[in-house]
Amino acid sequence: MVESTIDQHAKVPSDGALDSTLALLRDGYLFVSNRCERLGSDLFTTRIMLRRAICMRGPAAAELFYGSDHFTRVGAMPVTVLRLLQDYGSVQSLEGTPHHHRKRLFLSLGTPEAVTRLVELTEAEWLRRQSDWARAPEVVLFDEVRAILTRAVCAWVGVPLTEAEAARRTRELSEMIESTGSIGPRNWRAQLLRARSEHWARDMVRRARSGALSLPGDAPLRVIAAHLDHDGRPLDVKVAAVELLNVLRPTVAVARFMVFAALALHRHPDARQRVAAEGEPYLEAFAQEVRRHAPFFPIIGGRVKEPFDWRGQRFAQGDWVILDLYGTDHDPRSWSAPDVFRPERFLERQPTPFDLIPQGGGDHLQGHRCPGEGIAVDLTKLAVRMLTGRMRYDVPPQDLSINLACIPALPRSGFVMRRVVAIED
């Protein structure tokens, strides 16, 4: 672990910009970290969209953000992002007792048995599509795994899909994710697709409540449709539909981890042998290193609920605070050689709830850490097993560079494969 050279008790600096919105768009994932390094501080003030913001990074900042009751998510996210990723009334927009009660709904969906079922459905869909890959001149893995995950998670929650509906849902769920960092026409188009998805999801909730859909008792769609909120009332149809999408969309987002896993296997071919030789411990470490190393969510925002002081900074009520997720996952004080892909680090120590935060930090029940984190890990592990044990393929010359100014980031080519050959189990 590298010792910090930053004076944590020095006067909190400003980045000196009249407005840093364009700089955020230009620097992307590195926006906060670059300024922290330049200013010699894990905390600085700036202006984004003409609004004052306090930016921070590192495990201590993550513990303050997730491990205290100082912040609310209400009003902390640009409306265009909120509408695409969560929408009003969702679990992430709640605080206190309503949040804790709604969070239990999501945690109840992610039991080990339920996650195993989702992984099995994903594997079956992967194998079904893989049979077609051998006949294709080339395959773009990102496109394929998005379709695989859409079909699998819809089957898991209990939503029936025709071929045409599967393509439509894949497109809509994917665009919610792909357009979060965009402004202008692309974002507007994604908002329209989101509205179409919500209309469809409301219909699914109504059909589940009326009995028009035949669902097992533990099907997530049935559980969401029947859920009683903290006040003892069923969720409004619109809110239930939003929460249904908040199960489907994050699962499809795991396609990114799957592609980054494929990229890591390509760049570190020795890992293939280690997965086979060392089994589950190394596979788990590999998946966690993919999550730590890959650019996923760059930052998260919060609003100060009540005034407090921390490390020389006065946080006033209503202040907008931005935590650097990507920078914390690459903090050299927690992660030696943080830009090096090295799964062994997870065999050497277990991460804390505040230094590994690609999907949020802190406690799953009490805080805002993503309840689907275990699903992301297990689906990433599945991708590694499939890529190393159930298929052979060539990786042709292509542009595998990653533009960290692009949010969300991905290898430019989407990871192209050729001459795919299935390996029988």
Protein backbone atom coordinates (compact mmCIF):
# COMPACT_ATOMS: atom_id res chain seq x y z
CA MET A 1 0.00 0.00 0.00
CA VAL A 2 1.32 3.44 -0.93
CA GLU A 3 1.33 6.10 1.76
CA SER A 4 -0.50 9.30 0.94
CA THR A 5 1.56 12.39 0.28
CA ILE A 6 -1.55 14.56 0.52
CA ASP A 7 -2.02 16.87 3.50
CA GLN A 8 -5.57 15.99 4.51
CA HIS A 9 -5.88 18.94 6.90
CA ALA A 10 -4.75 21.70 4.57
CA LYS A 11 -7.21 24.36 3.42
CA VAL A 12 -9.57 22.83 0.87
CA PRO A 13 -8.62 24.21 -2.55
CA SER A 14 -10.70 25.17 -5.56
CA ASP A 15 -9.87 24.03 -9.07
CA GLY A 16 -10.01 27.70 -10.04
CA ALA A 17 -12.37 27.25 -13.00
CA LEU A 18 -15.37 29.47 -13.61
CA ASP A 19 -17.19 26.30 -14.67
CA SER A 20 -15.79 22.77 -15.15
CA THR A 21 -18.64 21.20 -17.12
CA LEU A 22 -16.65 21.03 -20.34
CA ALA A 23 -13.63 19.71 -18.44
CA LEU A 24 -15.79 16.95 -16.96
CA LEU A 25 -16.97 15.99 -20.44
CA ARG A 26 -13.37 16.08 -21.70
CA ASP A 27 -11.73 14.18 -18.83
CA GLY A 28 -14.55 11.76 -18.03
CA TYR A 29 -13.50 9.14 -15.50
CA LEU A 30 -10.30 11.02 -14.64
CA PHE A 31 -11.91 14.39 -13.93
CA VAL A 32 -11.80 14.20 -10.13
CA SER A 33 -8.54 12.28 -9.76
CA ASN A 34 -6.61 14.56 -12.13
CA ARG A 35 -7.57 17.60 -10.08
CA CYS A 36 -6.92 15.88 -6.77
CA GLU A 37 -3.39 15.10 -7.92
CA ARG A 38 -2.81 18.60 -9.28
CA LEU A 39 -4.17 20.29 -6.16
CA GLY A 40 -2.60 17.86 -3.67
CA SER A 41 -5.90 17.21 -1.96
CA ASP A 42 -8.57 14.51 -1.86
CA LEU A 43 -11.14 17.28 -1.58
CA PHE A 44 -11.70 20.33 -3.77
CA THR A 45 -14.47 22.66 -4.87
CA THR A 46 -15.52 23.44 -8.41
CA ARG A 47 -18.54 24.45 -10.46
CA ILE A 48 -20.41 22.07 -12.75
CA MET A 49 -23.37 23.28 -14.78
CA LEU A 50 -22.81 26.59 -12.92
CA ARG A 51 -23.55 24.86 -9.61
CA ARG A 52 -20.99 24.71 -6.82
CA ALA A 53 -19.81 21.17 -6.15
CA ILE A 54 -17.47 19.58 -3.62
CA CYS A 55 -15.54 16.71 -5.19
CA MET A 56 -13.77 14.02 -3.17
CA ARG A 57 -12.11 10.63 -3.56
CA GLY A 58 -10.58 7.80 -1.53
CA PRO A 59 -11.77 5.29 1.09
CA ALA A 60 -12.15 7.91 3.82
CA ALA A 61 -14.33 10.01 1.53
CA ALA A 62 -16.33 6.92 0.57
CA GLU A 63 -16.85 6.08 4.24
CA LEU A 64 -18.07 9.61 4.89
CA PHE A 65 -20.39 9.41 1.88
CA TYR A 66 -21.79 5.92 2.46
CA GLY A 67 -21.11 5.26 6.14
CA SER A 68 -22.73 8.34 7.63
CA ASP A 69 -26.15 9.93 7.57
CA HIS A 70 -24.88 13.23 6.20
CA PHE A 71 -26.12 12.86 2.62
CA THR A 72 -29.30 12.34 0.64
CA ARG A 73 -29.54 11.26 -3.01
CA VAL A 74 -32.58 13.48 -3.51
CA GLY A 75 -31.72 16.28 -5.93
CA ALA A 76 -28.15 15.03 -6.38
CA MET A 77 -28.37 13.68 -9.92
CA PRO A 78 -29.03 15.58 -13.15
CA VAL A 79 -32.62 15.01 -14.25
CA THR A 80 -31.54 13.50 -17.59
CA VAL A 81 -29.45 10.87 -15.78
CA LEU A 82 -32.07 10.25 -13.08
CA ARG A 83 -34.77 9.61 -15.68
CA LEU A 84 -32.62 7.11 -17.58
CA LEU A 85 -31.11 5.19 -14.68
CA GLN A 86 -33.58 5.31 -11.81
CA ASP A 87 -36.57 7.63 -12.24
CA TYR A 88 -38.68 9.22 -9.56
CA GLY A 89 -40.02 7.04 -6.76
CA SER A 90 -37.33 4.37 -7.17
CA VAL A 91 -35.44 2.86 -4.26
CA GLN A 92 -32.37 5.00 -4.96
CA SER A 93 -34.43 8.18 -4.63
CA LEU A 94 -35.65 7.27 -1.13
CA GLU A 95 -34.10 7.88 2.27
CA GLY A 96 -34.57 6.62 5.84
CA THR A 97 -37.29 4.11 6.63
CA PRO A 98 -38.83 4.14 3.11
CA HIS A 99 -35.43 3.38 1.59
CA HIS A 100 -34.61 0.60 4.06
CA HIS A 101 -37.99 -1.03 3.54
CA ARG A 102 -37.81 -0.87 -0.26
CA LYS A 103 -34.20 -2.06 -0.21
CA ARG A 104 -35.32 -5.26 1.53
CA LEU A 105 -37.48 -5.96 -1.52
CA PHE A 106 -34.41 -5.96 -3.76
CA LEU A 107 -32.30 -7.95 -1.34
CA SER A 108 -35.05 -10.58 -1.16
CA LEU A 109 -34.74 -11.05 -4.92
CA GLY A 110 -31.02 -11.77 -4.73
CA THR A 111 -30.95 -14.91 -2.59
CA PRO A 112 -28.22 -17.43 -3.48
CA GLU A 113 -30.82 -19.73 -4.99
CA ALA A 114 -32.30 -16.94 -7.10
CA VAL A 115 -28.90 -15.78 -8.33
CA THR A 116 -28.00 -19.36 -9.23
CA ARG A 117 -31.19 -19.56 -11.30
CA LEU A 118 -30.31 -16.33 -13.14
CA VAL A 119 -26.79 -17.60 -13.85
CA GLU A 120 -28.21 -20.89 -15.18
CA LEU A 121 -30.61 -19.05 -17.48
CA THR A 122 -27.76 -16.85 -18.72
CA GLU A 123 -25.56 -19.87 -19.38
CA ALA A 124 -28.33 -21.61 -21.32
CA GLU A 125 -28.92 -18.52 -23.43
CA TRP A 126 -25.17 -18.11 -24.01
CA LEU A 127 -24.91 -21.68 -25.26
CA ARG A 128 -27.96 -21.23 -27.48
CA ARG A 129 -26.50 -18.14 -29.15
CA GLN A 130 -23.00 -19.59 -29.22
CA SER A 131 -24.17 -22.27 -31.62
CA ASP A 132 -24.76 -19.51 -34.19
CA TRP A 133 -21.41 -17.80 -33.63
CA ALA A 134 -19.47 -20.56 -35.40
CA ARG A 135 -21.36 -19.76 -38.61
CA ALA A 136 -20.80 -16.01 -38.38
CA PRO A 137 -17.75 -14.36 -40.01
CA GLU A 138 -17.26 -12.41 -36.81
CA VAL A 139 -19.03 -11.74 -33.53
CA VAL A 140 -19.12 -8.53 -31.49
CA LEU A 141 -19.18 -9.81 -27.93
CA PHE A 142 -20.73 -6.68 -26.44
CA ASP A 143 -23.75 -6.88 -28.74
CA GLU A 144 -24.15 -10.58 -28.04
CA VAL A 145 -23.95 -10.46 -24.26
CA ARG A 146 -26.43 -7.59 -24.06
CA ALA A 147 -28.94 -9.73 -25.94
CA ILE A 148 -28.09 -12.77 -23.80
CA LEU A 149 -28.56 -10.90 -20.54
CA THR A 150 -31.82 -9.30 -21.67
CA ARG A 151 -33.38 -12.65 -22.50
CA ALA A 152 -32.05 -14.30 -19.36
CA VAL A 153 -33.11 -11.62 -16.89
CA CYS A 154 -36.56 -11.30 -18.47
CA ALA A 155 -37.05 -15.06 -18.16
CA TRP A 156 -35.81 -14.86 -14.58
CA VAL A 157 -38.23 -12.14 -13.50
CA GLY A 158 -41.11 -13.86 -15.28
CA VAL A 159 -41.57 -11.62 -18.33
CA PRO A 160 -42.45 -13.47 -21.56
CA LEU A 161 -40.66 -12.27 -24.70
CA THR A 162 -41.22 -12.97 -28.36
CA GLU A 163 -38.27 -12.66 -30.75
CA ALA A 164 -39.31 -9.14 -31.73
CA GLU A 165 -39.88 -8.15 -28.09
CA ALA A 166 -36.46 -9.48 -27.07
CA ALA A 167 -34.76 -7.28 -29.65
CA ARG A 168 -36.85 -4.28 -28.56
CA ARG A 169 -36.13 -4.78 -24.87
CA THR A 170 -32.41 -5.23 -25.55
CA ARG A 171 -32.31 -1.98 -27.49
CA GLU A 172 -34.29 0.00 -24.92
CA LEU A 173 -32.51 -1.29 -21.83
CA SER A 174 -29.11 -0.83 -23.49
CA GLU A 175 -29.83 2.71 -24.59
CA MET A 176 -30.71 3.75 -21.04
CA ILE A 177 -27.17 2.76 -20.09
CA GLU A 178 -25.31 3.96 -23.19
CA SER A 179 -26.85 7.45 -23.18
CA THR A 180 -26.33 8.37 -19.53
CA GLY A 181 -23.21 10.39 -20.33
CA SER A 182 -24.67 12.06 -23.41
CA ILE A 183 -26.45 15.35 -23.91
CA GLY A 184 -28.66 16.58 -26.71
CA PRO A 185 -30.43 14.43 -29.34
CA ARG A 186 -29.06 11.06 -28.23
CA ASN A 187 -30.18 11.63 -24.66
CA TRP A 188 -33.60 12.82 -25.85
CA ARG A 189 -33.97 9.69 -27.95
CA ALA A 190 -33.03 7.53 -24.97
CA GLN A 191 -35.64 9.32 -22.87
CA LEU A 192 -38.28 8.36 -25.45
CA LEU A 193 -37.11 4.75 -25.37
CA ARG A 194 -37.21 4.83 -21.56
CA ALA A 195 -40.83 6.06 -21.70
CA ARG A 196 -41.69 3.18 -24.02
CA SER A 197 -40.04 0.70 -21.63
CA GLU A 198 -41.97 2.12 -18.69
CA HIS A 199 -45.26 1.76 -20.58
CA TRP A 200 -44.39 -1.90 -21.26
CA ALA A 201 -43.30 -2.48 -17.64
CA ARG A 202 -46.54 -1.01 -16.29
CA ASP A 203 -48.46 -3.44 -18.48
CA MET A 204 -46.40 -6.33 -17.06
CA VAL A 205 -47.16 -5.22 -13.48
CA ARG A 206 -50.90 -4.95 -14.21
CA ARG A 207 -50.92 -8.39 -15.83
CA ALA A 208 -49.06 -9.88 -12.87
CA ARG A 209 -51.55 -8.35 -10.43
CA SER A 210 -54.57 -9.50 -12.42
CA GLY A 211 -53.31 -13.06 -12.78
CA ALA A 212 -53.07 -12.76 -16.56
CA LEU A 213 -49.46 -13.91 -16.30
CA SER A 214 -48.77 -17.34 -14.86
CA LEU A 215 -45.88 -16.73 -12.44
CA PRO A 216 -44.24 -18.86 -9.76
CA GLY A 217 -44.52 -17.43 -6.28
CA ASP A 218 -40.89 -16.36 -6.11
CA ALA A 219 -40.75 -14.76 -9.56
CA PRO A 220 -39.32 -11.23 -9.12
CA LEU A 221 -42.14 -9.71 -11.17
CA ARG A 222 -44.71 -11.29 -8.83
CA VAL A 223 -42.75 -10.16 -5.76
CA ILE A 224 -42.51 -6.57 -7.03
CA ALA A 225 -46.16 -6.46 -8.06
CA ALA A 226 -47.28 -7.74 -4.63
CA HIS A 227 -44.87 -5.67 -2.55
CA LEU A 228 -46.35 -3.52 0.21
CA ASP A 229 -44.40 -0.34 0.84
CA HIS A 230 -43.41 0.99 4.27
CA ASP A 231 -46.90 2.46 4.67
CA GLY A 232 -48.55 -0.92 4.05
CA ARG A 233 -49.84 0.03 0.62
CA PRO A 234 -49.06 -1.67 -2.69
CA LEU A 235 -46.63 0.20 -4.90
CA ASP A 236 -48.20 2.54 -7.40
CA VAL A 237 -48.20 0.85 -10.81
CA LYS A 238 -45.76 3.42 -12.19
CA VAL A 239 -43.36 2.97 -9.25
CA ALA A 240 -43.59 -0.83 -9.47
CA ALA A 241 -42.76 -0.57 -13.19
CA VAL A 242 -39.76 1.62 -12.40
CA GLU A 243 -38.51 -0.93 -9.88
CA LEU A 244 -39.00 -3.74 -12.41
CA LEU A 245 -36.76 -1.82 -14.80
CA ASN A 246 -34.33 -1.32 -11.93
CA VAL A 247 -33.91 -5.10 -11.89
CA LEU A 248 -33.69 -5.54 -15.66
CA ARG A 249 -31.46 -2.61 -16.65
CA PRO A 250 -28.60 -3.14 -14.13
CA THR A 251 -28.43 -6.80 -15.10
CA VAL A 252 -28.01 -5.89 -18.76
CA ALA A 253 -25.33 -3.40 -17.68
CA VAL A 254 -23.20 -6.36 -16.51
CA ALA A 255 -22.46 -6.87 -20.23
CA ARG A 256 -19.71 -4.30 -19.72
CA PHE A 257 -18.00 -6.37 -17.05
CA MET A 258 -18.26 -9.41 -19.32
CA VAL A 259 -16.53 -7.57 -22.16
CA PHE A 260 -13.83 -6.21 -19.86
CA ALA A 261 -13.33 -9.76 -18.58
CA ALA A 262 -12.80 -10.93 -22.18
CA LEU A 263 -10.34 -8.08 -22.72
CA ALA A 264 -8.43 -9.03 -19.57
CA LEU A 265 -8.22 -12.67 -20.68
CA HIS A 266 -6.91 -11.52 -24.06
CA ARG A 267 -4.26 -9.27 -22.53
CA HIS A 268 -3.31 -11.76 -19.79
CA PRO A 269 -3.46 -15.21 -21.44
CA ASP A 270 -1.82 -16.86 -18.43
CA ALA A 271 -5.06 -16.19 -16.53
CA ARG A 272 -6.80 -18.85 -18.61
CA GLN A 273 -4.58 -21.56 -17.17
CA ARG A 274 -4.97 -20.16 -13.68
CA VAL A 275 -8.77 -20.22 -13.92
CA ALA A 276 -8.60 -23.90 -14.88
CA ALA A 277 -5.91 -24.83 -12.36
CA GLU A 278 -6.95 -22.81 -9.31
CA GLY A 279 -10.71 -22.89 -9.67
CA GLU A 280 -13.16 -20.81 -7.67
CA PRO A 281 -10.76 -18.71 -5.52
CA TYR A 282 -8.90 -17.38 -8.56
CA LEU A 283 -12.11 -17.02 -10.58
CA GLU A 284 -13.63 -14.91 -7.81
CA ALA A 285 -10.48 -12.79 -7.59
CA PHE A 286 -10.44 -12.35 -11.36
CA ALA A 287 -14.07 -11.15 -11.43
CA GLN A 288 -13.46 -8.73 -8.57
CA GLU A 289 -10.38 -7.32 -10.31
CA VAL A 290 -12.45 -6.80 -13.45
CA ARG A 291 -14.92 -4.79 -11.39
CA ARG A 292 -12.18 -2.77 -9.72
CA HIS A 293 -10.09 -2.13 -12.82
CA ALA A 294 -12.78 -1.52 -15.45
CA PRO A 295 -14.41 1.89 -15.91
CA PHE A 296 -18.03 1.42 -14.86
CA PHE A 297 -19.80 4.23 -12.97
CA PRO A 298 -17.38 7.21 -12.75
CA ILE A 299 -18.94 9.33 -10.00
CA ILE A 300 -21.96 9.53 -7.71
CA GLY A 301 -23.64 12.60 -6.21
CA GLY A 302 -25.23 13.46 -2.90
CA ARG A 303 -26.77 16.46 -1.15
CA VAL A 304 -25.84 17.49 2.40
CA LYS A 305 -28.77 17.04 4.78
CA GLU A 306 -27.44 19.01 7.77
CA PRO A 307 -24.31 21.19 8.14
CA PHE A 308 -21.10 19.48 9.32
CA ASP A 309 -17.32 19.88 9.15
CA TRP A 310 -14.86 17.35 7.72
CA ARG A 311 -11.15 17.73 7.07
CA GLY A 312 -11.18 21.49 6.93
CA GLN A 313 -14.27 21.78 4.76
CA ARG A 314 -17.58 23.18 5.95
CA PHE A 315 -20.39 21.21 4.35
CA ALA A 316 -23.51 23.38 4.32
CA GLN A 317 -27.05 22.10 4.04
CA GLY A 318 -27.89 21.48 0.39
CA ASP A 319 -24.27 21.35 -0.80
CA TRP A 320 -23.75 19.15 -3.84
CA VAL A 321 -21.06 16.55 -3.19
CA ILE A 322 -19.52 14.30 -5.84
CA LEU A 323 -17.67 11.10 -4.88
CA ASP A 324 -15.13 9.68 -7.33
CA LEU A 325 -15.94 5.96 -7.64
CA TYR A 326 -13.40 5.20 -10.37
CA GLY A 327 -10.66 7.19 -8.64
CA THR A 328 -11.29 5.41 -5.34
CA ASP A 329 -11.07 2.04 -7.09
CA HIS A 330 -7.70 3.20 -8.48
CA ASP A 331 -6.38 4.88 -5.32
CA PRO A 332 -2.71 3.86 -4.89
CA ARG A 333 -3.06 4.05 -1.10
CA SER A 334 -5.49 1.12 -1.24
CA TRP A 335 -4.33 -0.63 -4.41
CA SER A 336 -0.66 -1.02 -5.27
CA ALA A 337 0.00 -0.36 -8.98
CA PRO A 338 -3.72 0.43 -9.41
CA ASP A 339 -3.61 0.65 -13.20
CA VAL A 340 -2.21 -2.88 -13.46
CA PHE A 341 -4.71 -5.73 -13.83
CA ARG A 342 -3.71 -8.09 -11.02
CA PRO A 343 -6.35 -10.52 -9.65
CA GLU A 344 -3.90 -11.80 -7.02
CA ARG A 345 -4.53 -8.71 -4.94
CA PHE A 346 -7.92 -10.19 -3.98
CA LEU A 347 -6.25 -13.41 -2.83
CA GLU A 348 -3.97 -11.39 -0.57
CA ARG A 349 -6.64 -9.39 1.23
CA GLN A 350 -10.36 -8.79 1.33
CA PRO A 351 -11.43 -5.30 0.30
CA THR A 352 -13.23 -3.01 2.72
CA PRO A 353 -16.73 -1.69 2.03
CA PHE A 354 -15.15 1.65 1.14
CA ASP A 355 -12.12 0.95 -1.06
CA LEU A 356 -13.85 -1.29 -3.63
CA ILE A 357 -16.87 0.72 -4.75
CA PRO A 358 -17.60 0.22 -8.47
CA GLN A 359 -21.29 -0.18 -7.61
CA GLY A 360 -21.36 1.91 -4.47
CA GLY A 361 -19.98 1.46 -0.97
CA GLY A 362 -21.01 0.74 2.58
CA ASP A 363 -23.67 -1.68 3.78
CA HIS A 364 -26.10 -3.33 1.36
CA LEU A 365 -29.13 -3.04 3.65
CA GLN A 366 -28.63 0.26 5.45
CA GLY A 367 -26.88 2.19 2.68
CA HIS A 368 -27.05 2.74 -1.07
CA ARG A 369 -24.64 -0.01 -2.10
CA CYS A 370 -26.07 -1.81 -5.12
CA PRO A 371 -28.13 -4.86 -4.05
CA GLY A 372 -27.25 -6.50 -7.35
CA GLU A 373 -23.52 -6.53 -6.69
CA GLY A 374 -23.47 -10.29 -6.11
CA ILE A 375 -25.32 -10.81 -9.39
CA ALA A 376 -22.68 -8.75 -11.20
CA VAL A 377 -19.88 -10.85 -9.69
CA ASP A 378 -21.51 -14.19 -10.50
CA LEU A 379 -22.42 -13.22 -14.06
CA THR A 380 -18.87 -11.97 -14.66
CA LYS A 381 -17.56 -15.29 -13.36
CA LEU A 382 -19.91 -17.09 -15.72
CA ALA A 383 -18.51 -15.13 -18.67
CA VAL A 384 -14.97 -16.10 -17.68
CA ARG A 385 -15.97 -19.77 -17.42
CA MET A 386 -17.63 -19.67 -20.83
CA LEU A 387 -14.75 -17.85 -22.51
CA THR A 388 -12.11 -20.17 -21.05
CA GLY A 389 -13.88 -23.50 -20.88
CA ARG A 390 -16.79 -23.67 -23.32
CA MET A 391 -15.40 -22.05 -26.46
CA ARG A 392 -12.31 -21.27 -28.49
CA TYR A 393 -12.03 -18.16 -30.61
CA ASP A 394 -9.58 -15.85 -32.35
CA VAL A 395 -9.23 -12.18 -31.54
CA PRO A 396 -8.45 -10.40 -34.81
CA PRO A 397 -6.66 -7.03 -35.03
CA GLN A 398 -9.08 -4.36 -33.85
CA ASP A 399 -9.26 -1.18 -31.82
CA LEU A 400 -9.41 -2.32 -28.20
CA SER A 401 -8.49 1.09 -26.81
CA ILE A 402 -10.68 2.59 -24.09
CA ASN A 403 -11.59 6.25 -24.18
CA LEU A 404 -11.98 7.33 -20.56
CA ALA A 405 -13.60 10.56 -21.72
CA CYS A 406 -16.55 8.47 -22.93
CA ILE A 407 -19.10 7.66 -20.22
CA PRO A 408 -19.84 4.78 -20.02
CA ALA A 409 -16.56 3.48 -21.42
CA LEU A 410 -15.98 0.33 -23.45
CA PRO A 411 -13.29 -1.07 -25.78
CA ARG A 412 -13.96 0.79 -29.03
CA SER A 413 -14.55 -2.37 -31.07
CA GLY A 414 -16.88 -4.01 -28.55
CA PHE A 415 -14.46 -6.98 -28.61
CA VAL A 416 -14.67 -8.77 -31.95
CA MET A 417 -14.19 -12.55 -32.12
CA ARG A 418 -13.71 -14.80 -35.15
CA ARG A 419 -13.63 -18.54 -35.78
CA VAL A 420 -15.64 -19.39 -32.70
CA VAL A 421 -15.66 -23.10 -31.84
CA ALA A 422 -17.87 -24.53 -29.12
CA ILE A 423 -16.32 -26.92 -26.62
CA GLU A 424 -18.62 -29.65 -25.36
CA ASP A 425 -18.95 -29.87 -21.61
